[in-house]
N, C-alpha and C. Protein backbone atom coordinates (compact mmCIF):
# COMPACT_ATOMS: atom_id res chain seq x y z
N MET A 1 94.66 103.98 108.27
CA MET A 1 94.55 103.07 109.42
C MET A 1 95.95 102.70 109.91
N ASN A 2 96.18 102.83 111.23
CA ASN A 2 97.52 102.55 111.77
C ASN A 2 97.69 101.10 112.21
N ARG A 3 96.82 100.23 111.70
CA ARG A 3 96.90 98.80 111.98
C ARG A 3 96.44 98.03 110.74
N PRO A 4 96.72 96.73 110.68
CA PRO A 4 96.21 95.94 109.55
C PRO A 4 94.68 95.84 109.57
N TYR A 5 94.10 95.69 108.40
CA TYR A 5 92.67 95.41 108.25
C TYR A 5 92.45 93.95 108.64
N ILE A 6 91.47 93.68 109.51
CA ILE A 6 91.28 92.36 110.08
C ILE A 6 89.96 91.75 109.62
N ILE A 7 90.05 90.55 109.03
CA ILE A 7 88.88 89.78 108.64
C ILE A 7 88.84 88.51 109.49
N CYS A 8 87.81 88.37 110.31
CA CYS A 8 87.64 87.16 111.10
C CYS A 8 86.99 86.11 110.21
N HIS A 9 87.73 85.05 109.90
CA HIS A 9 87.31 84.03 108.93
C HIS A 9 87.23 82.69 109.65
N MET A 10 86.01 82.11 109.73
CA MET A 10 85.81 80.91 110.52
C MET A 10 84.77 79.98 109.90
N VAL A 11 84.91 78.68 110.17
CA VAL A 11 83.85 77.71 109.93
C VAL A 11 82.98 77.66 111.19
N THR A 12 81.66 77.70 111.02
CA THR A 12 80.77 77.62 112.18
C THR A 12 79.70 76.55 111.96
N SER A 13 79.13 76.11 113.07
CA SER A 13 77.92 75.29 113.02
C SER A 13 76.72 76.22 112.85
N ILE A 14 75.53 75.64 112.68
CA ILE A 14 74.32 76.45 112.56
C ILE A 14 74.13 77.33 113.79
N ASP A 15 74.49 76.80 114.96
CA ASP A 15 74.31 77.54 116.22
C ASP A 15 75.54 78.36 116.60
N GLY A 16 76.42 78.64 115.64
CA GLY A 16 77.50 79.60 115.85
C GLY A 16 78.69 79.11 116.64
N LYS A 17 78.89 77.80 116.70
CA LYS A 17 80.06 77.26 117.39
C LYS A 17 81.22 77.10 116.40
N VAL A 18 82.45 77.20 116.92
CA VAL A 18 83.62 77.14 116.04
C VAL A 18 84.62 76.06 116.43
N THR A 19 84.43 75.41 117.57
CA THR A 19 85.29 74.30 117.95
C THR A 19 84.43 73.13 118.41
N GLY A 20 84.94 71.91 118.21
CA GLY A 20 84.20 70.74 118.66
C GLY A 20 84.25 69.61 117.65
N GLU A 21 83.67 68.49 118.02
CA GLU A 21 83.68 67.30 117.18
C GLU A 21 82.91 67.49 115.88
N PHE A 22 81.99 68.45 115.84
CA PHE A 22 81.22 68.67 114.62
C PHE A 22 82.11 68.99 113.42
N LEU A 23 83.28 69.57 113.68
CA LEU A 23 84.19 69.93 112.59
C LEU A 23 84.72 68.71 111.85
N TYR A 24 84.67 67.54 112.49
CA TYR A 24 85.23 66.33 111.88
C TYR A 24 84.14 65.40 111.34
N LYS A 25 82.90 65.85 111.37
CA LYS A 25 81.80 65.07 110.81
C LYS A 25 81.76 65.22 109.29
N PRO A 26 81.25 64.20 108.59
CA PRO A 26 81.15 64.29 107.13
C PRO A 26 80.34 65.50 106.66
N GLU A 27 79.36 65.91 107.47
CA GLU A 27 78.52 67.06 107.10
C GLU A 27 79.30 68.36 107.06
N CYS A 28 80.49 68.35 107.63
CA CYS A 28 81.30 69.57 107.70
C CYS A 28 82.42 69.59 106.65
N GLU A 29 82.60 68.50 105.92
CA GLU A 29 83.72 68.42 104.97
C GLU A 29 83.62 69.48 103.88
N LYS A 30 82.42 69.66 103.31
CA LYS A 30 82.24 70.65 102.25
C LYS A 30 82.52 72.06 102.77
N ALA A 31 82.03 72.33 103.98
CA ALA A 31 82.26 73.65 104.59
C ALA A 31 83.75 73.91 104.78
N THR A 32 84.47 72.89 105.21
CA THR A 32 85.92 73.04 105.43
C THR A 32 86.64 73.31 104.11
N ASP A 33 86.25 72.59 103.06
CA ASP A 33 86.87 72.82 101.75
C ASP A 33 86.63 74.25 101.27
N ILE A 34 85.41 74.73 101.44
CA ILE A 34 85.08 76.11 101.03
C ILE A 34 85.86 77.11 101.86
N TYR A 35 85.99 76.83 103.15
CA TYR A 35 86.74 77.70 104.05
C TYR A 35 88.18 77.90 103.56
N TYR A 36 88.84 76.80 103.20
CA TYR A 36 90.22 76.90 102.73
C TYR A 36 90.30 77.61 101.38
N GLU A 37 89.32 77.39 100.53
CA GLU A 37 89.30 78.08 99.24
C GLU A 37 89.17 79.58 99.43
N ILE A 38 88.28 80.00 100.31
CA ILE A 38 88.11 81.43 100.59
C ILE A 38 89.38 82.00 101.20
N ASN A 39 89.99 81.24 102.10
CA ASN A 39 91.25 81.67 102.71
C ASN A 39 92.27 82.02 101.65
N ARG A 40 92.43 81.14 100.66
CA ARG A 40 93.42 81.39 99.60
C ARG A 40 93.04 82.60 98.75
N ASN A 41 91.76 82.78 98.51
CA ASN A 41 91.31 83.85 97.62
C ASN A 41 91.41 85.25 98.25
N PHE A 42 91.47 85.33 99.56
CA PHE A 42 91.58 86.63 100.21
C PHE A 42 92.90 87.34 99.88
N LYS A 43 93.97 86.58 99.67
CA LYS A 43 95.28 87.15 99.34
C LYS A 43 95.75 88.15 100.40
N CYS A 44 95.61 87.76 101.66
CA CYS A 44 96.06 88.63 102.75
C CYS A 44 97.57 88.48 102.97
N ASN A 45 98.09 89.28 103.91
CA ASN A 45 99.51 89.17 104.28
C ASN A 45 99.76 88.03 105.25
N GLY A 46 98.71 87.27 105.59
CA GLY A 46 98.88 86.16 106.50
C GLY A 46 97.66 85.97 107.37
N PHE A 47 97.86 85.27 108.49
CA PHE A 47 96.75 84.95 109.37
C PHE A 47 97.19 85.02 110.83
N ILE A 48 96.20 85.18 111.71
CA ILE A 48 96.43 85.26 113.15
C ILE A 48 95.69 84.11 113.84
N CYS A 49 96.36 83.44 114.76
CA CYS A 49 95.72 82.43 115.61
C CYS A 49 96.24 82.56 117.04
N GLY A 50 95.45 82.07 117.98
CA GLY A 50 95.89 81.99 119.36
C GLY A 50 96.73 80.74 119.59
N ARG A 51 97.25 80.62 120.81
CA ARG A 51 98.16 79.51 121.12
C ARG A 51 97.50 78.15 120.92
N VAL A 52 96.29 77.98 121.44
CA VAL A 52 95.65 76.67 121.38
C VAL A 52 95.40 76.26 119.93
N THR A 53 94.96 77.20 119.11
CA THR A 53 94.72 76.90 117.69
C THR A 53 96.02 76.55 116.99
N MET A 54 97.08 77.29 117.28
CA MET A 54 98.38 76.99 116.67
C MET A 54 98.87 75.61 117.09
N GLU A 55 98.67 75.26 118.37
CA GLU A 55 99.08 73.93 118.84
C GLU A 55 98.34 72.83 118.09
N GLY A 56 97.03 73.01 117.95
CA GLY A 56 96.23 71.99 117.31
C GLY A 56 96.49 71.86 115.83
N SER A 57 96.82 72.97 115.18
CA SER A 57 96.95 72.97 113.72
C SER A 57 98.39 72.80 113.22
N PHE A 58 99.37 73.27 114.01
CA PHE A 58 100.73 73.34 113.45
C PHE A 58 101.85 72.75 114.31
N THR A 59 101.80 72.89 115.63
CA THR A 59 102.93 72.41 116.45
C THR A 59 102.67 71.07 117.12
N ASN A 60 101.42 70.59 117.07
CA ASN A 60 101.06 69.29 117.66
C ASN A 60 101.45 69.19 119.13
N CYS A 61 101.35 70.32 119.83
CA CYS A 61 101.58 70.39 121.28
C CYS A 61 103.03 70.07 121.69
N TRP A 62 103.95 70.10 120.72
CA TRP A 62 105.36 69.87 121.06
C TRP A 62 105.95 71.12 121.70
N TYR A 63 106.80 70.92 122.71
CA TYR A 63 107.47 72.05 123.36
C TYR A 63 108.93 71.68 123.60
N PRO A 64 109.85 72.59 123.29
CA PRO A 64 111.29 72.27 123.40
C PRO A 64 111.81 72.40 124.83
N ASP A 65 112.94 71.78 125.07
CA ASP A 65 113.69 72.00 126.31
C ASP A 65 114.51 73.27 126.11
N ILE A 66 114.13 74.32 126.82
CA ILE A 66 114.79 75.62 126.60
C ILE A 66 115.88 75.91 127.64
N SER A 67 116.18 74.94 128.49
CA SER A 67 117.09 75.18 129.61
C SER A 67 118.50 75.59 129.16
N SER A 68 118.91 75.15 128.00
CA SER A 68 120.28 75.43 127.54
C SER A 68 120.40 76.71 126.72
N TYR A 69 119.27 77.38 126.48
CA TYR A 69 119.32 78.57 125.65
C TYR A 69 119.66 79.81 126.47
N GLN A 70 120.30 80.77 125.82
CA GLN A 70 120.69 82.01 126.47
C GLN A 70 119.47 82.90 126.70
N GLU A 71 119.44 83.55 127.85
CA GLU A 71 118.37 84.52 128.11
C GLU A 71 118.56 85.74 127.23
N GLU A 72 117.45 86.26 126.74
CA GLU A 72 117.48 87.46 125.89
C GLU A 72 116.67 88.58 126.54
N GLU A 73 116.98 89.80 126.17
CA GLU A 73 116.27 90.95 126.73
C GLU A 73 114.86 91.04 126.15
N ILE A 74 113.99 91.74 126.90
CA ILE A 74 112.62 91.97 126.45
C ILE A 74 112.63 93.10 125.42
N VAL A 75 113.08 92.75 124.24
CA VAL A 75 113.21 93.71 123.13
C VAL A 75 112.71 93.01 121.86
N ASP A 76 111.93 93.72 121.05
CA ASP A 76 111.43 93.14 119.80
C ASP A 76 112.60 92.64 118.96
N PHE A 77 112.40 91.50 118.33
CA PHE A 77 113.42 90.90 117.47
C PHE A 77 112.86 90.79 116.05
N ILE A 78 113.44 91.54 115.13
CA ILE A 78 113.00 91.55 113.73
C ILE A 78 114.20 91.16 112.87
N PRO A 79 114.26 89.92 112.40
CA PRO A 79 115.40 89.50 111.57
C PRO A 79 115.33 90.11 110.18
N GLU A 80 116.40 89.96 109.44
CA GLU A 80 116.41 90.42 108.05
C GLU A 80 115.66 89.41 107.18
N ASN A 81 115.42 89.80 105.94
CA ASN A 81 114.80 88.92 104.95
C ASN A 81 113.39 88.47 105.36
N LEU A 82 112.56 89.46 105.69
CA LEU A 82 111.16 89.16 105.99
C LEU A 82 110.45 88.73 104.71
N SER A 83 109.50 87.80 104.86
CA SER A 83 108.88 87.19 103.68
C SER A 83 107.70 87.97 103.13
N GLY A 84 106.99 88.71 103.99
CA GLY A 84 105.79 89.41 103.56
C GLY A 84 104.52 88.58 103.72
N PHE A 85 104.66 87.31 104.10
CA PHE A 85 103.52 86.42 104.32
C PHE A 85 103.73 85.73 105.67
N TYR A 86 102.78 85.93 106.61
CA TYR A 86 103.06 85.63 108.01
C TYR A 86 102.00 84.77 108.69
N ALA A 87 102.47 83.94 109.64
CA ALA A 87 101.62 83.24 110.59
C ALA A 87 101.83 83.93 111.94
N VAL A 88 100.87 84.77 112.32
CA VAL A 88 101.02 85.59 113.52
C VAL A 88 100.41 84.84 114.71
N SER A 89 101.25 84.52 115.67
CA SER A 89 100.85 83.72 116.82
C SER A 89 100.73 84.59 118.06
N PHE A 90 99.51 84.72 118.60
CA PHE A 90 99.31 85.42 119.86
C PHE A 90 99.53 84.40 120.98
N ASP A 91 100.74 84.42 121.54
CA ASP A 91 101.23 83.40 122.46
C ASP A 91 101.71 84.11 123.73
N THR A 92 100.77 84.51 124.57
CA THR A 92 101.02 85.44 125.68
C THR A 92 102.27 85.13 126.49
N ASN A 93 102.41 83.89 126.94
CA ASN A 93 103.51 83.53 127.84
C ASN A 93 104.63 82.72 127.17
N GLY A 94 104.57 82.59 125.85
CA GLY A 94 105.62 81.89 125.13
C GLY A 94 105.62 80.39 125.37
N LYS A 95 104.60 79.70 124.86
CA LYS A 95 104.44 78.28 125.12
C LYS A 95 104.52 77.41 123.87
N LEU A 96 104.61 77.99 122.70
CA LEU A 96 104.56 77.21 121.47
C LEU A 96 105.95 76.69 121.07
N GLY A 97 105.97 75.45 120.58
CA GLY A 97 107.21 74.84 120.15
C GLY A 97 107.31 74.80 118.64
N TRP A 98 107.99 75.78 118.09
CA TRP A 98 108.18 75.84 116.64
C TRP A 98 109.50 75.17 116.29
N LYS A 99 109.47 74.25 115.33
CA LYS A 99 110.70 73.58 114.90
C LYS A 99 111.39 74.32 113.76
N ASN A 100 110.62 75.18 113.08
CA ASN A 100 111.17 75.97 111.98
C ASN A 100 110.60 77.38 112.05
N ALA A 101 111.17 78.27 111.27
CA ALA A 101 110.71 79.66 111.24
C ALA A 101 109.54 79.87 110.29
N PHE A 102 109.18 78.81 109.54
CA PHE A 102 108.11 78.91 108.56
C PHE A 102 107.14 77.75 108.73
N ILE A 103 105.86 78.02 108.48
CA ILE A 103 104.84 76.98 108.51
C ILE A 103 105.05 76.03 107.32
N GLU A 104 104.94 74.75 107.59
CA GLU A 104 104.94 73.75 106.52
C GLU A 104 103.57 73.08 106.51
N ASP A 105 102.79 73.36 105.47
CA ASP A 105 101.41 72.88 105.42
C ASP A 105 101.05 72.58 103.97
N GLU A 106 100.21 71.60 103.77
CA GLU A 106 99.84 71.21 102.41
C GLU A 106 98.97 72.24 101.72
N ASP A 107 98.31 73.12 102.48
CA ASP A 107 97.45 74.13 101.88
C ASP A 107 98.25 75.41 101.62
N GLU A 108 98.14 75.94 100.41
CA GLU A 108 98.93 77.12 100.04
C GLU A 108 98.52 78.37 100.80
N GLY A 109 97.34 78.34 101.42
CA GLY A 109 96.94 79.48 102.23
C GLY A 109 97.72 79.61 103.52
N TYR A 110 98.48 78.56 103.88
CA TYR A 110 99.26 78.56 105.11
C TYR A 110 100.74 78.24 104.87
N ASN A 111 101.01 77.45 103.85
CA ASN A 111 102.37 76.97 103.62
C ASN A 111 103.36 78.12 103.39
N LYS A 112 104.52 77.99 104.01
CA LYS A 112 105.62 78.95 103.89
C LYS A 112 105.34 80.31 104.53
N ALA A 113 104.34 80.35 105.41
CA ALA A 113 104.11 81.59 106.18
C ALA A 113 105.20 81.72 107.24
N GLN A 114 105.81 82.88 107.29
CA GLN A 114 106.86 83.14 108.28
C GLN A 114 106.22 83.41 109.64
N ILE A 115 106.68 82.72 110.67
CA ILE A 115 106.06 82.82 111.99
C ILE A 115 106.48 84.12 112.67
N ILE A 116 105.51 84.80 113.28
CA ILE A 116 105.77 85.94 114.17
C ILE A 116 105.13 85.61 115.51
N GLU A 117 105.92 85.64 116.58
CA GLU A 117 105.39 85.43 117.92
C GLU A 117 105.06 86.78 118.56
N VAL A 118 103.79 86.94 118.98
CA VAL A 118 103.35 88.11 119.72
C VAL A 118 103.27 87.71 121.19
N LEU A 119 104.04 88.38 122.04
CA LEU A 119 104.22 87.96 123.42
C LEU A 119 103.90 89.08 124.41
N SER A 120 103.67 88.70 125.65
CA SER A 120 103.70 89.66 126.75
C SER A 120 105.11 89.64 127.35
N GLU A 121 105.37 90.58 128.24
CA GLU A 121 106.68 90.62 128.89
C GLU A 121 106.81 89.53 129.96
N ASN A 122 105.69 88.84 130.25
CA ASN A 122 105.69 87.75 131.22
C ASN A 122 106.08 86.44 130.53
N VAL A 123 107.27 86.41 130.00
CA VAL A 123 107.74 85.28 129.22
C VAL A 123 109.12 84.86 129.72
N ASN A 124 109.41 83.58 129.66
CA ASN A 124 110.73 83.08 130.04
C ASN A 124 111.76 83.61 129.04
N LYS A 125 112.78 84.28 129.54
CA LYS A 125 113.76 84.89 128.65
C LYS A 125 114.57 83.85 127.88
N LYS A 126 114.63 82.63 128.40
CA LYS A 126 115.28 81.56 127.65
C LYS A 126 114.45 81.17 126.42
N TYR A 127 113.13 81.33 126.53
CA TYR A 127 112.28 81.06 125.36
C TYR A 127 112.60 82.04 124.24
N LEU A 128 112.94 83.27 124.60
CA LEU A 128 113.35 84.25 123.59
C LEU A 128 114.65 83.81 122.91
N GLY A 129 115.56 83.24 123.70
CA GLY A 129 116.79 82.71 123.12
C GLY A 129 116.50 81.57 122.16
N TYR A 130 115.54 80.75 122.52
CA TYR A 130 115.13 79.66 121.63
C TYR A 130 114.57 80.20 120.33
N LEU A 131 113.67 81.20 120.40
CA LEU A 131 113.11 81.79 119.19
C LEU A 131 114.19 82.40 118.31
N LYS A 132 115.13 83.09 118.94
CA LYS A 132 116.23 83.69 118.18
C LYS A 132 117.06 82.63 117.47
N SER A 133 117.27 81.51 118.13
CA SER A 133 118.06 80.44 117.52
C SER A 133 117.38 79.90 116.27
N LYS A 134 116.05 80.02 116.20
CA LYS A 134 115.28 79.59 115.03
C LYS A 134 115.05 80.74 114.05
N ASN A 135 115.55 81.92 114.39
CA ASN A 135 115.37 83.13 113.58
C ASN A 135 113.88 83.48 113.42
N ILE A 136 113.13 83.27 114.50
CA ILE A 136 111.69 83.57 114.51
C ILE A 136 111.48 84.96 115.09
N PRO A 137 110.86 85.88 114.34
CA PRO A 137 110.59 87.22 114.85
C PRO A 137 109.66 87.16 116.07
N PHE A 138 109.89 88.09 117.02
CA PHE A 138 108.95 88.21 118.13
C PHE A 138 108.83 89.68 118.53
N ILE A 139 107.61 90.03 118.98
CA ILE A 139 107.34 91.39 119.43
C ILE A 139 106.57 91.32 120.75
N PHE A 140 106.66 92.41 121.52
CA PHE A 140 105.99 92.49 122.81
C PHE A 140 104.86 93.51 122.75
N ALA A 141 103.72 93.15 123.39
CA ALA A 141 102.56 94.04 123.32
C ALA A 141 101.81 94.10 124.64
N GLY A 142 102.55 94.11 125.74
CA GLY A 142 101.93 94.21 127.06
C GLY A 142 102.78 93.54 128.11
N LYS A 143 102.57 93.90 129.38
CA LYS A 143 103.38 93.35 130.46
C LYS A 143 102.95 91.93 130.84
N GLU A 144 101.66 91.73 131.15
CA GLU A 144 101.18 90.41 131.51
C GLU A 144 100.16 89.87 130.52
N LYS A 145 99.45 90.75 129.85
CA LYS A 145 98.49 90.36 128.81
C LYS A 145 98.82 91.11 127.53
N ILE A 146 98.34 90.58 126.42
CA ILE A 146 98.60 91.22 125.13
C ILE A 146 97.54 92.28 124.86
N ASP A 147 97.99 93.48 124.57
CA ASP A 147 97.13 94.57 124.12
C ASP A 147 96.95 94.42 122.61
N VAL A 148 95.74 94.06 122.19
CA VAL A 148 95.49 93.75 120.78
C VAL A 148 95.89 94.91 119.87
N ASN A 149 95.45 96.10 120.18
CA ASN A 149 95.73 97.24 119.29
C ASN A 149 97.21 97.62 119.27
N LYS A 150 97.88 97.46 120.40
CA LYS A 150 99.33 97.70 120.41
C LYS A 150 100.05 96.69 119.53
N ALA A 151 99.62 95.43 119.62
CA ALA A 151 100.22 94.39 118.78
C ALA A 151 99.99 94.67 117.31
N LEU A 152 98.77 95.05 116.95
CA LEU A 152 98.45 95.30 115.55
C LEU A 152 99.20 96.51 115.01
N LYS A 153 99.36 97.51 115.83
CA LYS A 153 100.12 98.70 115.41
C LYS A 153 101.57 98.31 115.10
N LYS A 154 102.15 97.47 115.94
CA LYS A 154 103.53 97.02 115.70
C LYS A 154 103.62 96.17 114.43
N LEU A 155 102.62 95.33 114.21
CA LEU A 155 102.64 94.49 113.01
C LEU A 155 102.59 95.36 111.75
N LYS A 156 101.87 96.44 111.82
CA LYS A 156 101.80 97.38 110.70
C LYS A 156 103.14 98.10 110.51
N GLU A 157 103.68 98.62 111.59
CA GLU A 157 104.88 99.45 111.51
C GLU A 157 106.15 98.64 111.22
N LEU A 158 106.27 97.47 111.86
CA LEU A 158 107.52 96.71 111.77
C LEU A 158 107.55 95.71 110.62
N PHE A 159 106.36 95.27 110.18
CA PHE A 159 106.31 94.25 109.13
C PHE A 159 105.56 94.72 107.88
N ASN A 160 105.04 95.94 107.94
CA ASN A 160 104.32 96.51 106.79
C ASN A 160 103.13 95.63 106.39
N ILE A 161 102.40 95.12 107.38
CA ILE A 161 101.25 94.25 107.14
C ILE A 161 99.99 95.09 106.97
N ASP A 162 99.28 94.87 105.86
CA ASP A 162 98.08 95.64 105.57
C ASP A 162 96.78 94.89 105.89
N MET A 163 96.77 93.55 105.75
CA MET A 163 95.54 92.78 105.93
C MET A 163 95.87 91.40 106.47
N LEU A 164 95.09 90.97 107.48
CA LEU A 164 95.29 89.66 108.09
C LEU A 164 93.95 88.97 108.31
N LEU A 165 93.97 87.64 108.22
CA LEU A 165 92.81 86.84 108.60
C LEU A 165 92.94 86.45 110.07
N LEU A 166 91.89 86.70 110.83
CA LEU A 166 91.82 86.27 112.23
C LEU A 166 91.08 84.94 112.25
N GLU A 167 91.76 83.86 112.68
CA GLU A 167 91.20 82.52 112.57
C GLU A 167 91.14 81.77 113.90
N GLY A 168 90.89 82.52 114.98
CA GLY A 168 90.58 81.88 116.26
C GLY A 168 91.78 81.55 117.11
N GLY A 169 91.36 80.99 118.27
CA GLY A 169 90.06 80.52 118.71
C GLY A 169 89.13 81.59 119.22
N SER A 170 88.09 81.12 119.91
CA SER A 170 87.01 82.02 120.31
C SER A 170 87.45 83.06 121.32
N ILE A 171 88.42 82.73 122.18
CA ILE A 171 88.90 83.72 123.16
C ILE A 171 89.62 84.85 122.43
N LEU A 172 90.50 84.49 121.48
CA LEU A 172 91.22 85.53 120.74
C LEU A 172 90.26 86.34 119.88
N ASN A 173 89.31 85.68 119.23
CA ASN A 173 88.30 86.41 118.45
C ASN A 173 87.57 87.43 119.31
N GLY A 174 87.19 86.99 120.52
CA GLY A 174 86.50 87.89 121.44
C GLY A 174 87.35 89.07 121.86
N ALA A 175 88.64 88.83 122.07
CA ALA A 175 89.55 89.91 122.45
C ALA A 175 89.66 90.95 121.34
N PHE A 176 89.72 90.49 120.09
CA PHE A 176 89.76 91.41 118.95
C PHE A 176 88.46 92.19 118.83
N LEU A 177 87.34 91.53 119.04
CA LEU A 177 86.04 92.22 118.96
C LEU A 177 85.95 93.30 120.03
N LYS A 178 86.36 92.98 121.25
CA LYS A 178 86.33 93.96 122.34
C LYS A 178 87.25 95.14 122.05
N ALA A 179 88.34 94.89 121.35
CA ALA A 179 89.29 95.96 121.01
C ALA A 179 88.84 96.74 119.78
N ASP A 180 87.66 96.43 119.26
CA ASP A 180 87.11 97.06 118.06
C ASP A 180 88.06 96.90 116.88
N ALA A 181 88.65 95.70 116.78
CA ALA A 181 89.66 95.43 115.77
C ALA A 181 89.22 94.34 114.78
N VAL A 182 87.91 94.15 114.64
CA VAL A 182 87.38 93.24 113.62
C VAL A 182 86.65 94.07 112.58
N ASP A 183 87.21 94.14 111.39
CA ASP A 183 86.65 94.98 110.32
C ASP A 183 85.63 94.22 109.47
N GLU A 184 85.85 92.92 109.31
CA GLU A 184 84.91 92.08 108.57
C GLU A 184 84.79 90.73 109.27
N ILE A 185 83.67 90.05 109.02
CA ILE A 185 83.48 88.69 109.49
C ILE A 185 83.09 87.84 108.28
N SER A 186 83.85 86.78 108.05
CA SER A 186 83.61 85.85 106.96
C SER A 186 83.28 84.49 107.57
N LEU A 187 82.06 84.02 107.37
CA LEU A 187 81.61 82.77 107.98
C LEU A 187 81.26 81.74 106.92
N VAL A 188 81.68 80.51 107.17
CA VAL A 188 81.27 79.38 106.36
C VAL A 188 80.47 78.47 107.30
N THR A 189 79.15 78.41 107.09
CA THR A 189 78.27 77.74 108.03
C THR A 189 77.88 76.35 107.54
N ALA A 190 78.33 75.33 108.28
CA ALA A 190 78.03 73.95 107.94
C ALA A 190 76.62 73.59 108.40
N PRO A 191 75.93 72.69 107.69
CA PRO A 191 74.56 72.32 108.04
C PRO A 191 74.52 71.30 109.19
N ILE A 192 74.99 71.73 110.35
CA ILE A 192 75.07 70.84 111.51
C ILE A 192 75.01 71.67 112.78
N VAL A 193 74.39 71.11 113.82
CA VAL A 193 74.33 71.76 115.13
C VAL A 193 75.40 71.14 116.02
N ALA A 194 76.12 71.99 116.75
CA ALA A 194 77.23 71.53 117.57
C ALA A 194 76.77 71.09 118.96
N ASP A 195 77.70 70.56 119.72
CA ASP A 195 77.45 70.15 121.10
C ASP A 195 77.36 71.37 122.01
N LYS A 196 76.65 71.22 123.11
CA LYS A 196 76.46 72.34 124.04
C LYS A 196 77.78 72.83 124.65
N CYS A 197 78.79 71.96 124.70
CA CYS A 197 80.07 72.32 125.32
C CYS A 197 81.03 73.00 124.35
N ASP A 198 80.69 73.02 123.08
CA ASP A 198 81.58 73.63 122.09
C ASP A 198 81.59 75.15 122.23
N LYS A 199 82.66 75.76 121.73
CA LYS A 199 82.88 77.19 121.96
C LYS A 199 82.29 78.05 120.85
N PRO A 200 81.83 79.25 121.21
CA PRO A 200 81.19 80.14 120.23
C PRO A 200 82.21 80.90 119.39
N LEU A 201 81.72 81.60 118.39
CA LEU A 201 82.57 82.41 117.52
C LEU A 201 83.36 83.44 118.31
N PHE A 202 82.69 84.14 119.23
CA PHE A 202 83.35 85.14 120.07
C PHE A 202 83.08 84.82 121.54
N MET A 203 84.13 84.54 122.28
CA MET A 203 83.99 84.33 123.72
C MET A 203 83.92 85.68 124.42
N ASP A 204 83.00 85.82 125.35
CA ASP A 204 82.83 87.09 126.10
C ASP A 204 82.64 88.26 125.13
N SER A 205 81.71 88.10 124.21
CA SER A 205 81.51 89.12 123.18
C SER A 205 80.78 90.35 123.71
N GLU A 206 80.85 91.41 122.95
CA GLU A 206 80.13 92.65 123.23
C GLU A 206 79.28 92.99 122.01
N ILE A 207 78.27 93.84 122.20
CA ILE A 207 77.41 94.23 121.09
C ILE A 207 78.19 95.10 120.11
N LYS A 208 78.24 94.65 118.86
CA LYS A 208 78.87 95.40 117.78
C LYS A 208 77.97 95.29 116.55
N ASP A 209 77.92 96.33 115.75
CA ASP A 209 77.05 96.35 114.58
C ASP A 209 77.84 96.00 113.31
N PHE A 210 77.28 95.04 112.55
CA PHE A 210 77.85 94.65 111.27
C PHE A 210 76.75 94.64 110.22
N GLU A 211 77.15 94.82 108.97
CA GLU A 211 76.22 94.81 107.85
C GLU A 211 76.51 93.61 106.96
N LEU A 212 75.47 92.83 106.62
CA LEU A 212 75.64 91.72 105.70
C LEU A 212 75.84 92.25 104.29
N VAL A 213 76.98 91.88 103.67
CA VAL A 213 77.29 92.39 102.33
C VAL A 213 77.31 91.28 101.27
N LYS A 214 77.30 90.01 101.72
CA LYS A 214 77.30 88.92 100.76
C LYS A 214 76.77 87.66 101.42
N CYS A 215 75.97 86.90 100.67
CA CYS A 215 75.43 85.64 101.17
C CYS A 215 75.28 84.68 100.01
N ASP A 216 75.89 83.49 100.09
CA ASP A 216 75.79 82.49 99.04
C ASP A 216 75.48 81.12 99.65
N ASN A 217 74.77 80.30 98.88
CA ASN A 217 74.47 78.93 99.27
C ASN A 217 75.20 78.00 98.30
N GLU A 218 76.20 77.30 98.82
CA GLU A 218 76.97 76.38 97.99
C GLU A 218 76.69 74.94 98.42
N ASN A 219 75.71 74.33 97.76
CA ASN A 219 75.34 72.93 98.06
C ASN A 219 75.01 72.73 99.54
N GLY A 220 74.23 73.66 100.09
CA GLY A 220 73.80 73.53 101.47
C GLY A 220 74.71 74.18 102.49
N VAL A 221 75.83 74.72 102.06
CA VAL A 221 76.75 75.43 102.95
C VAL A 221 76.61 76.92 102.70
N LEU A 222 76.29 77.66 103.75
CA LEU A 222 76.14 79.11 103.62
C LEU A 222 77.49 79.80 103.78
N THR A 223 77.80 80.73 102.91
CA THR A 223 78.96 81.61 103.10
C THR A 223 78.42 83.03 103.28
N LEU A 224 78.81 83.63 104.38
CA LEU A 224 78.31 84.94 104.77
C LEU A 224 79.47 85.90 104.98
N ARG A 225 79.28 87.12 104.57
CA ARG A 225 80.33 88.13 104.76
C ARG A 225 79.70 89.42 105.28
N TYR A 226 80.24 89.88 106.41
CA TYR A 226 79.74 91.08 107.08
C TYR A 226 80.86 92.12 107.16
N LYS A 227 80.48 93.38 107.09
CA LYS A 227 81.42 94.48 107.32
C LYS A 227 80.96 95.32 108.49
N LYS A 228 81.95 95.81 109.24
CA LYS A 228 81.64 96.64 110.40
C LYS A 228 80.98 97.93 109.96
N GLN A 229 79.90 98.31 110.62
CA GLN A 229 79.23 99.55 110.26
C GLN A 229 79.99 100.75 110.83
């Protein structure tokens, strides 16, 4: 395979939603704990999230003043001393404000992951200067939009990544599904129904065939694992 093996790993409601207030209800606490435990047990080379998920989980919507940074060319930047454990950010136009080159998180499934920014060429070149000043790797995978398979091929070739967890949001999950780049689906289903406005597991999904290979009930929380047929 010329790309990393991708496992889409998510907490869902009974009705298949992955974002919304239901995630913060007491009924979802057990599911969240199991989700993080499974995350750690996968032992992947890291995880992938979209911009909105990264903002909500790691950058707290902070964005730097990039006006004083030098413009850089639209060329992949791969620093020395790669860690082998990565937080891969699909950030099409370069909007995330990283204060460090590594994730700092209390959960070992995320802590000390080296950030990789996946960008389109439609990015402010001063933002590239900002990333370089933080020694944050970045790669390009399309002119105005990110080509999922091109990005994954580069992640394999440039970072020697074999397996990644895809952890949302629903738009990014849907883009991976459309690109036929979801090899497994790992779901932790909380015993709760979400709001009608909450987002589904895959936004704008297409019909794809998967086989159920594992199903467990842990105190009312279902854990399901599917493999692509």
